[in-house]
Amino acid sequence: MSRLEKIKEIFRLPAVTVQLGNGEEDLKLYTAFTKRHPRLFLIRNKTVGVGLISCAQFQDPTDYIDSVNGKNSAAYFSRKASRAGFRFTVMDANKYTDAIHEIHHSAGERQGIPLDKNYLDKKEVYPSGPRHAFFGIFKDDKLVAYLWIINSGQLFIMNRIMGHAQYLKEGIMYLLVTSFVEQLLTEPGDRQRYIMYDTMLGASSGLRMFKERCGFRPYRVKWITA
């Protein structure tokens, strides 16, 4: 694809405006998202090809699941994991630091990329409070996958998501993501919410397929603060 075709593709992406919060941490996010891209100096860091699920497009959790259903779909693999006895739940990450560390070390690389040092070093304390939420996939009492969500205004960021390498073929990551989306769709409040999974552009083919199966689509985003 030529540079001109890439530019045309970017401008064909749907555009949305997403409002972040106005606290100190929210303003740090705004700065990180809107600074110059490290390689593509003509665009801002997290403004093009951002992987989002717009919750407003769904009437309820069933509507979402129907949108990611079909052969070899997110819904299919989620059902497979549920039938195998895996379950989704909110969790206190600080009670599972050893299990999270085991998950990180269950594979030396992810998507063909060596694991970042931030994952190799054990994190002893995870943040708490209304901005942070943690969810897990359990088999009996064993944590096999976890999701760390950071909330800022209308945005719910998938800050960290990882599963134990031994169980990945069981569909646990699909169960983790689809269950979180379903839960968010059941919560009262502003329907204009967005779930972000970094960017679609530049993701490996395997990771991009996973995101697309779960319902993430690339957007052009204008970030604003409350």
Protein backbone atom coordinates (compact mmCIF):
# COMPACT_ATOMS: atom_id res chain seq x y z
CA MET A 1 0.00 0.00 0.00
CA SER A 2 1.38 3.40 -1.02
CA ARG A 3 1.69 6.31 1.41
CA LEU A 4 -1.20 8.08 -0.33
CA GLU A 5 -3.41 4.99 0.02
CA LYS A 6 -2.51 4.76 3.70
CA ILE A 7 -3.49 8.40 4.21
CA LYS A 8 -6.79 7.79 2.43
CA GLU A 9 -7.42 4.73 4.60
CA ILE A 10 -6.82 6.80 7.74
CA PHE A 11 -9.32 9.46 6.71
CA ARG A 12 -11.93 6.81 5.89
CA LEU A 13 -11.90 5.64 9.52
CA PRO A 14 -14.94 6.66 11.59
CA ALA A 15 -14.22 9.61 13.88
CA VAL A 16 -15.35 9.94 17.50
CA THR A 17 -14.79 12.37 20.35
CA VAL A 18 -14.04 10.74 23.70
CA GLN A 19 -14.13 12.66 26.97
CA LEU A 20 -11.57 11.75 29.62
CA GLY A 21 -11.78 12.74 33.28
CA ASN A 22 -10.22 15.89 34.72
CA GLY A 23 -8.07 14.57 37.56
CA GLU A 24 -4.29 14.53 37.65
CA GLU A 25 -4.03 10.98 36.27
CA ASP A 26 -6.61 11.76 33.57
CA LEU A 27 -4.60 14.76 32.41
CA LYS A 28 -1.50 12.54 32.18
CA LEU A 29 -3.47 10.20 29.93
CA TYR A 30 -4.59 13.12 27.77
CA THR A 31 -0.98 14.25 27.39
CA ALA A 32 0.19 10.74 26.51
CA PHE A 33 -2.59 10.27 23.93
CA THR A 34 -2.15 13.63 22.22
CA LYS A 35 1.63 14.02 22.08
CA ARG A 36 3.39 13.56 18.77
CA HIS A 37 3.64 9.99 17.53
CA PRO A 38 7.24 8.72 18.02
CA ARG A 39 7.56 7.65 14.37
CA LEU A 40 4.72 9.34 12.49
CA PHE A 41 5.31 12.97 13.38
CA LEU A 42 2.30 14.28 11.47
CA ILE A 43 -0.19 12.59 13.80
CA ARG A 44 -0.78 12.45 17.52
CA ASN A 45 0.17 9.38 19.52
CA LYS A 46 -3.19 7.65 20.12
CA THR A 47 -5.48 9.33 17.64
CA VAL A 48 -5.44 7.14 14.51
CA GLY A 49 -6.48 3.51 14.26
CA VAL A 50 -7.38 3.36 17.95
CA GLY A 51 -9.01 0.04 18.81
CA LEU A 52 -12.39 0.81 20.36
CA ILE A 53 -15.70 -0.81 21.17
CA SER A 54 -18.44 1.81 21.28
CA CYS A 55 -20.93 0.62 23.89
CA ALA A 56 -23.64 2.95 22.54
CA GLN A 57 -24.09 0.74 19.47
CA PHE A 58 -25.49 -2.10 21.57
CA GLN A 59 -28.88 -2.29 23.26
CA ASP A 60 -27.79 -4.89 25.79
CA PRO A 61 -25.20 -7.68 26.36
CA THR A 62 -27.09 -10.07 24.08
CA ASP A 63 -26.88 -7.56 21.25
CA TYR A 64 -23.10 -7.42 21.70
CA ILE A 65 -22.70 -11.21 21.81
CA ASP A 66 -24.79 -11.53 18.66
CA SER A 67 -22.36 -9.13 16.94
CA VAL A 68 -19.34 -11.33 17.74
CA ASN A 69 -21.02 -14.68 17.08
CA GLY A 70 -20.47 -17.26 14.35
CA LYS A 71 -17.94 -19.89 13.35
CA ASN A 72 -14.58 -19.51 15.13
CA SER A 73 -15.86 -16.32 16.73
CA ALA A 74 -15.28 -14.66 20.10
CA ALA A 75 -18.68 -15.89 21.27
CA TYR A 76 -17.90 -19.43 20.11
CA PHE A 77 -14.59 -19.59 21.99
CA SER A 78 -16.15 -17.95 25.06
CA ARG A 79 -18.81 -20.65 25.20
CA LYS A 80 -16.10 -23.29 24.79
CA ALA A 81 -14.23 -21.90 27.81
CA SER A 82 -17.41 -21.72 29.90
CA ARG A 83 -18.31 -25.31 29.10
CA ALA A 84 -14.80 -26.36 30.16
CA GLY A 85 -15.42 -24.89 33.63
CA PHE A 86 -13.70 -21.52 33.35
CA ARG A 87 -15.48 -18.60 35.01
CA PHE A 88 -15.21 -14.82 34.91
CA THR A 89 -15.26 -12.67 38.04
CA VAL A 90 -14.16 -9.39 39.56
CA MET A 91 -11.02 -9.89 41.65
CA ASP A 92 -8.67 -8.18 44.07
CA ALA A 93 -5.33 -8.24 42.23
CA ASN A 94 -3.41 -7.85 45.48
CA LYS A 95 -4.65 -11.26 46.61
CA TYR A 96 -3.27 -12.89 43.46
CA THR A 97 0.16 -11.35 42.95
CA ASP A 98 1.82 -14.79 42.87
CA ALA A 99 -0.70 -16.12 40.36
CA ILE A 100 -0.30 -13.04 38.14
CA HIS A 101 3.47 -13.45 38.26
CA GLU A 102 3.05 -17.10 37.24
CA ILE A 103 0.89 -16.05 34.30
CA HIS A 104 3.53 -13.58 33.15
CA HIS A 105 6.25 -16.23 33.28
CA SER A 106 4.19 -18.98 31.61
CA ALA A 107 5.65 -17.99 28.22
CA GLY A 108 8.89 -16.26 27.26
CA GLU A 109 7.24 -14.26 24.50
CA ARG A 110 3.79 -13.07 23.43
CA GLN A 111 2.75 -12.60 19.79
CA GLY A 112 6.36 -13.38 18.84
CA ILE A 113 7.74 -10.55 21.00
CA PRO A 114 9.87 -11.21 24.11
CA LEU A 115 8.07 -10.31 27.32
CA ASP A 116 8.71 -6.76 28.52
CA LYS A 117 10.76 -6.33 31.70
CA ASN A 118 7.74 -4.71 33.39
CA TYR A 119 6.05 -8.10 33.27
CA LEU A 120 9.10 -10.13 34.28
CA ASP A 121 9.57 -8.23 37.53
CA LYS A 122 6.97 -9.21 40.10
CA LYS A 123 4.58 -6.41 41.01
CA GLU A 124 3.94 -6.59 44.76
CA VAL A 125 1.16 -3.99 44.99
CA TYR A 126 -1.52 -3.15 42.43
CA PRO A 127 -3.46 0.13 42.56
CA SER A 128 -6.98 0.28 43.92
CA GLY A 129 -9.75 2.84 43.90
CA PRO A 130 -12.57 3.76 41.50
CA ARG A 131 -10.27 4.27 38.51
CA HIS A 132 -8.87 0.73 38.59
CA ALA A 133 -10.69 -2.58 38.24
CA PHE A 134 -9.38 -6.12 37.90
CA PHE A 135 -11.13 -9.14 36.45
CA GLY A 136 -10.02 -12.75 36.26
CA ILE A 137 -10.72 -16.07 34.62
CA PHE A 138 -10.58 -18.92 37.10
CA LYS A 139 -10.55 -22.71 36.77
CA ASP A 140 -11.71 -23.92 40.17
CA ASP A 141 -9.58 -21.70 42.46
CA LYS A 142 -6.73 -21.12 40.02
CA LEU A 143 -6.35 -17.75 38.28
CA VAL A 144 -5.50 -18.42 34.62
CA ALA A 145 -6.04 -14.97 33.03
CA TYR A 146 -6.55 -11.40 34.19
CA LEU A 147 -7.61 -8.01 32.89
CA TRP A 148 -6.65 -4.65 34.38
CA ILE A 149 -9.03 -1.83 33.45
CA ILE A 150 -8.35 1.87 33.95
CA ASN A 151 -11.36 4.18 33.74
CA SER A 152 -11.13 7.83 32.71
CA GLY A 153 -14.40 9.60 31.94
CA GLN A 154 -16.08 7.82 29.03
CA LEU A 155 -13.06 5.59 28.44
CA PHE A 156 -12.29 2.13 29.82
CA ILE A 157 -8.71 1.19 28.95
CA MET A 158 -7.59 -2.43 28.77
CA ASN A 159 -4.32 -1.58 30.48
CA ARG A 160 -3.07 -5.13 30.87
CA ILE A 161 -4.53 -8.40 29.65
CA MET A 162 -2.74 -11.72 29.83
CA GLY A 163 -3.48 -15.41 30.14
CA HIS A 164 -1.53 -18.44 31.27
CA ALA A 165 0.08 -20.02 28.21
CA GLN A 166 -1.08 -23.50 29.28
CA TYR A 167 -4.76 -22.53 28.91
CA LEU A 168 -4.82 -20.16 25.94
CA LYS A 169 -6.21 -22.77 23.52
CA GLU A 170 -9.21 -23.18 25.81
CA GLY A 171 -10.64 -19.80 24.75
CA ILE A 172 -10.00 -18.08 28.07
CA MET A 173 -8.98 -14.73 26.57
CA TYR A 174 -12.18 -14.50 24.55
CA LEU A 175 -14.19 -15.31 27.66
CA LEU A 176 -12.31 -12.61 29.57
CA VAL A 177 -12.94 -9.83 27.04
CA THR A 178 -16.52 -10.67 26.08
CA SER A 179 -17.51 -11.09 29.73
CA PHE A 180 -16.09 -7.68 30.61
CA VAL A 181 -17.94 -6.03 27.71
CA GLU A 182 -21.16 -7.76 28.77
CA GLN A 183 -20.71 -6.58 32.35
CA LEU A 184 -20.08 -2.99 31.33
CA LEU A 185 -23.21 -3.03 29.18
CA THR A 186 -25.29 -4.05 32.20
CA GLU A 187 -24.06 -1.18 34.39
CA PRO A 188 -26.24 1.94 34.67
CA GLY A 189 -24.98 5.32 33.57
CA ASP A 190 -23.89 7.07 30.41
CA ARG A 191 -24.26 4.79 27.38
CA GLN A 192 -21.58 6.80 25.58
CA ARG A 193 -18.74 4.61 26.82
CA TYR A 194 -15.75 3.29 24.93
CA ILE A 195 -13.51 0.31 25.63
CA MET A 196 -9.98 0.78 24.31
CA TYR A 197 -7.47 -1.91 23.40
CA ASP A 198 -4.51 0.19 22.24
CA THR A 199 -4.39 0.57 18.43
CA MET A 200 -5.33 -1.68 15.54
CA LEU A 201 -2.71 -0.27 13.19
CA GLY A 202 0.67 -1.84 13.82
CA ALA A 203 -0.72 -4.81 15.75
CA SER A 204 0.48 -8.27 14.70
CA SER A 205 -1.90 -10.22 12.48
CA GLY A 206 -2.77 -12.59 15.34
CA LEU A 207 -3.46 -9.82 17.83
CA ARG A 208 -5.45 -7.81 15.30
CA MET A 209 -7.61 -10.86 14.53
CA PHE A 210 -8.25 -11.33 18.27
CA LYS A 211 -9.29 -7.69 18.65
CA GLU A 212 -11.55 -7.80 15.61
CA ARG A 213 -13.21 -11.01 16.75
CA CYS A 214 -13.96 -9.35 20.10
CA GLY A 215 -15.60 -6.40 18.36
CA PHE A 216 -12.84 -3.77 18.40
CA ARG A 217 -12.71 -1.49 15.38
CA PRO A 218 -10.19 1.22 14.33
CA TYR A 219 -11.25 4.84 14.89
CA ARG A 220 -9.89 8.34 14.58
CA VAL A 221 -10.22 9.82 18.05
CA LYS A 222 -10.38 13.37 19.31
CA TRP A 223 -9.57 13.36 23.02
CA ILE A 224 -11.06 16.00 25.30
CA THR A 225 -11.09 16.45 29.08
CA ALA A 226 -14.09 17.09 31.31
